[in-house]
């Protein structure tokens, strides 16, 4: 369960770590691989997911499925929350 929570936090923090993490990676790879602007968020997500997996392994908590599910829920959490809120508000307005 702790691995799931760590992965959810990593997914949620992906937009915040995009600048400080992707910049050095991009500089290190610039002579070998060209990184498109729309791939920067993906690289940040991969780094966050790798960090969550390492933390889960060190804490001996969580499965691969739990870590992936937690990262996805964390990454899309605000959008999921907004969608559920709209559905609930729609039901309240209809009644």
N, C-alpha and C. Protein backbone atom coordinates (compact mmCIF):
# COMPACT_ATOMS: atom_id res chain seq x y z
N UNK A 1 0.82 -1.19 0.00
CA UNK A 1 0.00 0.00 0.00
C UNK A 1 0.87 1.26 0.00
N UNK A 2 1.96 1.20 0.72
CA UNK A 2 2.84 2.36 0.78
C UNK A 2 3.46 2.66 -0.59
N UNK A 3 3.76 1.61 -1.35
CA UNK A 3 4.28 1.79 -2.70
C UNK A 3 3.27 2.49 -3.59
N UNK A 4 1.99 2.15 -3.44
CA UNK A 4 0.93 2.80 -4.19
C UNK A 4 0.87 4.29 -3.86
N UNK A 5 0.96 4.63 -2.60
CA UNK A 5 0.90 6.03 -2.18
C UNK A 5 2.12 6.82 -2.66
N UNK A 6 3.29 6.21 -2.59
CA UNK A 6 4.51 6.87 -3.08
C UNK A 6 4.39 7.11 -4.59
N UNK A 7 3.87 6.12 -5.32
CA UNK A 7 3.71 6.27 -6.77
C UNK A 7 2.65 7.32 -7.10
N UNK A 8 1.58 7.38 -6.32
CA UNK A 8 0.56 8.40 -6.55
C UNK A 8 1.15 9.79 -6.34
N UNK A 9 1.97 9.94 -5.32
CA UNK A 9 2.63 11.21 -5.08
C UNK A 9 3.59 11.55 -6.22
N UNK A 10 4.32 10.56 -6.71
CA UNK A 10 5.25 10.79 -7.82
C UNK A 10 4.49 11.21 -9.08
N UNK A 11 3.37 10.57 -9.35
CA UNK A 11 2.57 10.95 -10.50
C UNK A 11 2.02 12.36 -10.37
N UNK A 12 1.60 12.71 -9.16
CA UNK A 12 1.06 14.05 -8.92
C UNK A 12 2.13 15.12 -9.07
N UNK A 13 3.36 14.81 -8.68
CA UNK A 13 4.45 15.79 -8.72
C UNK A 13 5.15 15.88 -10.09
N UNK A 14 4.74 15.06 -11.04
CA UNK A 14 5.38 15.07 -12.35
C UNK A 14 5.45 16.45 -12.99
N UNK A 15 4.37 17.25 -13.03
CA UNK A 15 4.49 18.57 -13.65
C UNK A 15 5.47 19.49 -12.92
N UNK A 16 5.59 19.34 -11.60
CA UNK A 16 6.48 20.20 -10.83
C UNK A 16 7.95 19.84 -11.03
N UNK A 17 8.25 18.58 -11.30
CA UNK A 17 9.65 18.17 -11.46
C UNK A 17 10.10 18.23 -12.90
N UNK A 18 9.19 18.57 -13.80
CA UNK A 18 9.53 18.58 -15.23
C UNK A 18 10.72 19.50 -15.53
N UNK A 19 10.72 20.72 -15.05
CA UNK A 19 11.79 21.66 -15.34
C UNK A 19 13.13 21.27 -14.75
N UNK A 20 13.21 21.06 -13.43
CA UNK A 20 14.51 20.78 -12.83
C UNK A 20 15.10 19.42 -13.20
N UNK A 21 14.27 18.45 -13.56
CA UNK A 21 14.78 17.11 -13.84
C UNK A 21 15.10 16.92 -15.32
N UNK A 22 14.22 17.40 -16.18
CA UNK A 22 14.39 17.14 -17.61
C UNK A 22 15.53 17.96 -18.21
N UNK A 23 15.76 19.16 -17.70
CA UNK A 23 16.83 20.01 -18.24
C UNK A 23 18.19 19.32 -18.25
N UNK A 24 18.66 18.81 -17.11
CA UNK A 24 19.96 18.11 -17.12
C UNK A 24 19.98 16.84 -17.97
N UNK A 25 18.86 16.12 -18.00
CA UNK A 25 18.80 14.92 -18.83
C UNK A 25 18.88 15.29 -20.30
N UNK A 26 18.18 16.36 -20.67
CA UNK A 26 18.20 16.82 -22.06
C UNK A 26 19.60 17.27 -22.48
N UNK A 27 20.30 17.97 -21.59
CA UNK A 27 21.66 18.40 -21.89
C UNK A 27 22.61 17.22 -22.05
N UNK A 28 22.43 16.20 -21.21
CA UNK A 28 23.30 15.03 -21.29
C UNK A 28 23.07 14.23 -22.56
N UNK A 29 21.86 14.27 -23.08
CA UNK A 29 21.53 13.47 -24.26
C UNK A 29 21.55 14.25 -25.57
N UNK A 30 21.80 15.57 -25.51
CA UNK A 30 21.63 16.39 -26.70
C UNK A 30 22.53 15.99 -27.87
N UNK A 31 23.66 15.43 -27.64
CA UNK A 31 24.53 14.99 -28.72
C UNK A 31 24.12 13.65 -29.31
N UNK A 32 23.27 12.90 -28.60
CA UNK A 32 22.92 11.54 -29.02
C UNK A 32 21.47 11.41 -29.45
N UNK A 33 20.57 12.01 -28.69
CA UNK A 33 19.13 11.87 -28.93
C UNK A 33 18.49 13.25 -28.89
N UNK A 34 17.66 13.52 -29.87
CA UNK A 34 16.93 14.78 -29.87
C UNK A 34 15.60 14.57 -29.14
N UNK A 35 15.34 15.41 -28.16
CA UNK A 35 14.11 15.31 -27.37
C UNK A 35 13.15 16.39 -27.84
N UNK A 36 11.97 15.96 -28.28
CA UNK A 36 10.94 16.90 -28.74
C UNK A 36 10.31 17.59 -27.52
N UNK A 37 9.82 18.80 -27.71
CA UNK A 37 9.21 19.53 -26.58
C UNK A 37 8.03 18.78 -25.92
N UNK A 38 7.28 18.03 -26.73
CA UNK A 38 6.15 17.32 -26.15
C UNK A 38 6.56 16.04 -25.42
N UNK A 39 7.83 15.68 -25.46
CA UNK A 39 8.32 14.49 -24.76
C UNK A 39 8.87 14.81 -23.37
N UNK A 40 9.00 16.07 -23.04
CA UNK A 40 9.59 16.44 -21.76
C UNK A 40 8.75 15.97 -20.58
N UNK A 41 7.44 16.09 -20.68
CA UNK A 41 6.57 15.63 -19.60
C UNK A 41 6.67 14.11 -19.43
N UNK A 42 6.80 13.41 -20.53
CA UNK A 42 6.95 11.96 -20.48
C UNK A 42 8.24 11.55 -19.77
N UNK A 43 9.32 12.25 -20.06
CA UNK A 43 10.59 11.95 -19.39
C UNK A 43 10.48 12.22 -17.89
N UNK A 44 9.83 13.31 -17.52
CA UNK A 44 9.63 13.61 -16.10
C UNK A 44 8.79 12.52 -15.43
N UNK A 45 7.77 12.02 -16.13
CA UNK A 45 6.93 10.95 -15.58
C UNK A 45 7.73 9.67 -15.41
N UNK A 46 8.58 9.36 -16.38
CA UNK A 46 9.40 8.15 -16.27
C UNK A 46 10.38 8.24 -15.11
N UNK A 47 10.97 9.41 -14.91
CA UNK A 47 11.90 9.59 -13.79
C UNK A 47 11.16 9.48 -12.46
N UNK A 48 9.97 10.09 -12.38
CA UNK A 48 9.17 10.01 -11.16
C UNK A 48 8.75 8.57 -10.87
N UNK A 49 8.36 7.84 -11.91
CA UNK A 49 7.96 6.45 -11.74
C UNK A 49 9.14 5.58 -11.33
N UNK A 50 10.31 5.85 -11.88
CA UNK A 50 11.51 5.11 -11.49
C UNK A 50 11.85 5.39 -10.02
N UNK A 51 11.75 6.64 -9.59
CA UNK A 51 12.00 6.98 -8.19
C UNK A 51 10.99 6.31 -7.27
N UNK A 52 9.73 6.27 -7.69
CA UNK A 52 8.69 5.60 -6.88
C UNK A 52 8.98 4.11 -6.78
N UNK A 53 9.42 3.50 -7.87
CA UNK A 53 9.73 2.07 -7.85
C UNK A 53 10.91 1.77 -6.93
N UNK A 54 11.93 2.63 -6.96
CA UNK A 54 13.08 2.44 -6.07
C UNK A 54 12.65 2.59 -4.61
N UNK A 55 11.84 3.60 -4.32
CA UNK A 55 11.35 3.79 -2.94
C UNK A 55 10.52 2.59 -2.49
N UNK A 56 9.66 2.09 -3.37
CA UNK A 56 8.84 0.93 -3.03
C UNK A 56 9.71 -0.31 -2.79
N UNK A 57 10.76 -0.47 -3.57
CA UNK A 57 11.66 -1.61 -3.38
C UNK A 57 12.43 -1.48 -2.07
N UNK A 58 12.89 -0.26 -1.74
CA UNK A 58 13.61 -0.06 -0.49
C UNK A 58 12.71 -0.27 0.72
N UNK A 59 11.45 0.11 0.58
CA UNK A 59 10.50 -0.05 1.69
C UNK A 59 9.85 -1.43 1.70
N UNK A 60 10.16 -2.26 0.69
CA UNK A 60 9.57 -3.59 0.55
C UNK A 60 8.05 -3.51 0.62
N UNK A 61 7.51 -2.56 -0.11
CA UNK A 61 6.06 -2.35 -0.10
C UNK A 61 5.57 -2.06 -1.50
N UNK A 62 4.54 -2.75 -1.90
CA UNK A 62 3.92 -2.46 -3.18
C UNK A 62 4.28 -3.46 -4.25
N UNK A 63 3.35 -3.64 -5.17
CA UNK A 63 3.57 -4.50 -6.32
C UNK A 63 3.73 -3.63 -7.56
N UNK A 64 4.13 -4.24 -8.64
CA UNK A 64 4.29 -3.50 -9.89
C UNK A 64 2.95 -2.89 -10.30
N UNK A 65 1.89 -3.67 -10.20
CA UNK A 65 0.56 -3.18 -10.56
C UNK A 65 0.16 -2.00 -9.68
N UNK A 66 0.39 -2.10 -8.40
CA UNK A 66 0.05 -1.01 -7.48
C UNK A 66 0.83 0.26 -7.77
N UNK A 67 2.09 0.11 -8.10
CA UNK A 67 2.92 1.28 -8.40
C UNK A 67 2.46 1.95 -9.69
N UNK A 68 2.19 1.15 -10.71
CA UNK A 68 1.72 1.73 -11.98
C UNK A 68 0.36 2.38 -11.80
N UNK A 69 -0.56 1.71 -11.12
CA UNK A 69 -1.89 2.28 -10.89
C UNK A 69 -1.80 3.56 -10.06
N UNK A 70 -0.97 3.56 -9.03
CA UNK A 70 -0.79 4.75 -8.21
C UNK A 70 -0.23 5.91 -9.01
N UNK A 71 0.73 5.65 -9.87
CA UNK A 71 1.32 6.71 -10.69
C UNK A 71 0.30 7.29 -11.67
N UNK A 72 -0.50 6.43 -12.26
CA UNK A 72 -1.53 6.90 -13.20
C UNK A 72 -2.58 7.72 -12.47
N UNK A 73 -3.04 7.23 -11.33
CA UNK A 73 -4.03 7.98 -10.55
C UNK A 73 -3.45 9.30 -10.07
N UNK A 74 -2.20 9.28 -9.65
CA UNK A 74 -1.56 10.52 -9.22
C UNK A 74 -1.41 11.53 -10.34
N UNK A 75 -1.04 11.04 -11.52
CA UNK A 75 -0.83 11.93 -12.66
C UNK A 75 -2.15 12.55 -13.12
N UNK A 76 -3.18 11.75 -13.21
CA UNK A 76 -4.47 12.24 -13.68
C UNK A 76 -5.43 12.57 -12.54
N UNK A 77 -4.94 12.60 -11.31
CA UNK A 77 -5.80 12.78 -10.14
C UNK A 77 -6.66 14.02 -10.16
N UNK A 78 -6.08 15.16 -10.51
CA UNK A 78 -6.86 16.39 -10.50
C UNK A 78 -7.94 16.36 -11.58
N UNK A 79 -7.65 15.76 -12.71
CA UNK A 79 -8.66 15.65 -13.77
C UNK A 79 -9.76 14.68 -13.37
N UNK A 80 -9.39 13.57 -12.75
CA UNK A 80 -10.39 12.60 -12.29
C UNK A 80 -11.29 13.24 -11.24
N UNK A 81 -10.69 13.97 -10.31
CA UNK A 81 -11.46 14.64 -9.26
C UNK A 81 -12.45 15.64 -9.88
N UNK A 82 -12.00 16.42 -10.85
CA UNK A 82 -12.88 17.40 -11.50
C UNK A 82 -14.02 16.71 -12.24
N UNK A 83 -13.74 15.62 -12.92
CA UNK A 83 -14.79 14.89 -13.64
C UNK A 83 -15.82 14.31 -12.68
N UNK A 84 -15.37 13.73 -11.58
CA UNK A 84 -16.31 13.17 -10.60
C UNK A 84 -17.13 14.28 -9.96
N UNK A 85 -16.50 15.39 -9.68
CA UNK A 85 -17.21 16.53 -9.10
C UNK A 85 -18.32 17.03 -10.03
N UNK A 86 -18.04 17.10 -11.33
CA UNK A 86 -19.05 17.52 -12.30
C UNK A 86 -20.22 16.55 -12.35
N UNK A 87 -19.92 15.25 -12.28
CA UNK A 87 -20.99 14.25 -12.29
C UNK A 87 -21.86 14.40 -11.05
N UNK A 88 -21.24 14.59 -9.90
CA UNK A 88 -22.01 14.75 -8.66
C UNK A 88 -22.84 16.02 -8.70
N UNK A 89 -22.27 17.11 -9.17
CA UNK A 89 -23.02 18.36 -9.28
C UNK A 89 -24.15 18.23 -10.28
N UNK A 90 -23.96 17.48 -11.35
CA UNK A 90 -25.02 17.25 -12.34
C UNK A 90 -26.18 16.49 -11.74
N UNK A 91 -25.90 15.52 -10.87
CA UNK A 91 -26.96 14.76 -10.21
C UNK A 91 -27.74 15.66 -9.24
N UNK A 92 -27.02 16.50 -8.54
CA UNK A 92 -27.66 17.39 -7.57
C UNK A 92 -28.57 18.40 -8.28
N UNK A 93 -28.12 18.91 -9.41
CA UNK A 93 -28.91 19.87 -10.17
C UNK A 93 -30.15 19.23 -10.78
N UNK A 94 -30.07 17.95 -11.17
CA UNK A 94 -31.19 17.26 -11.80
C UNK A 94 -32.30 16.95 -10.80
N UNK A 95 -31.96 16.81 -9.55
CA UNK A 95 -32.95 16.47 -8.53
C UNK A 95 -33.69 17.65 -8.09
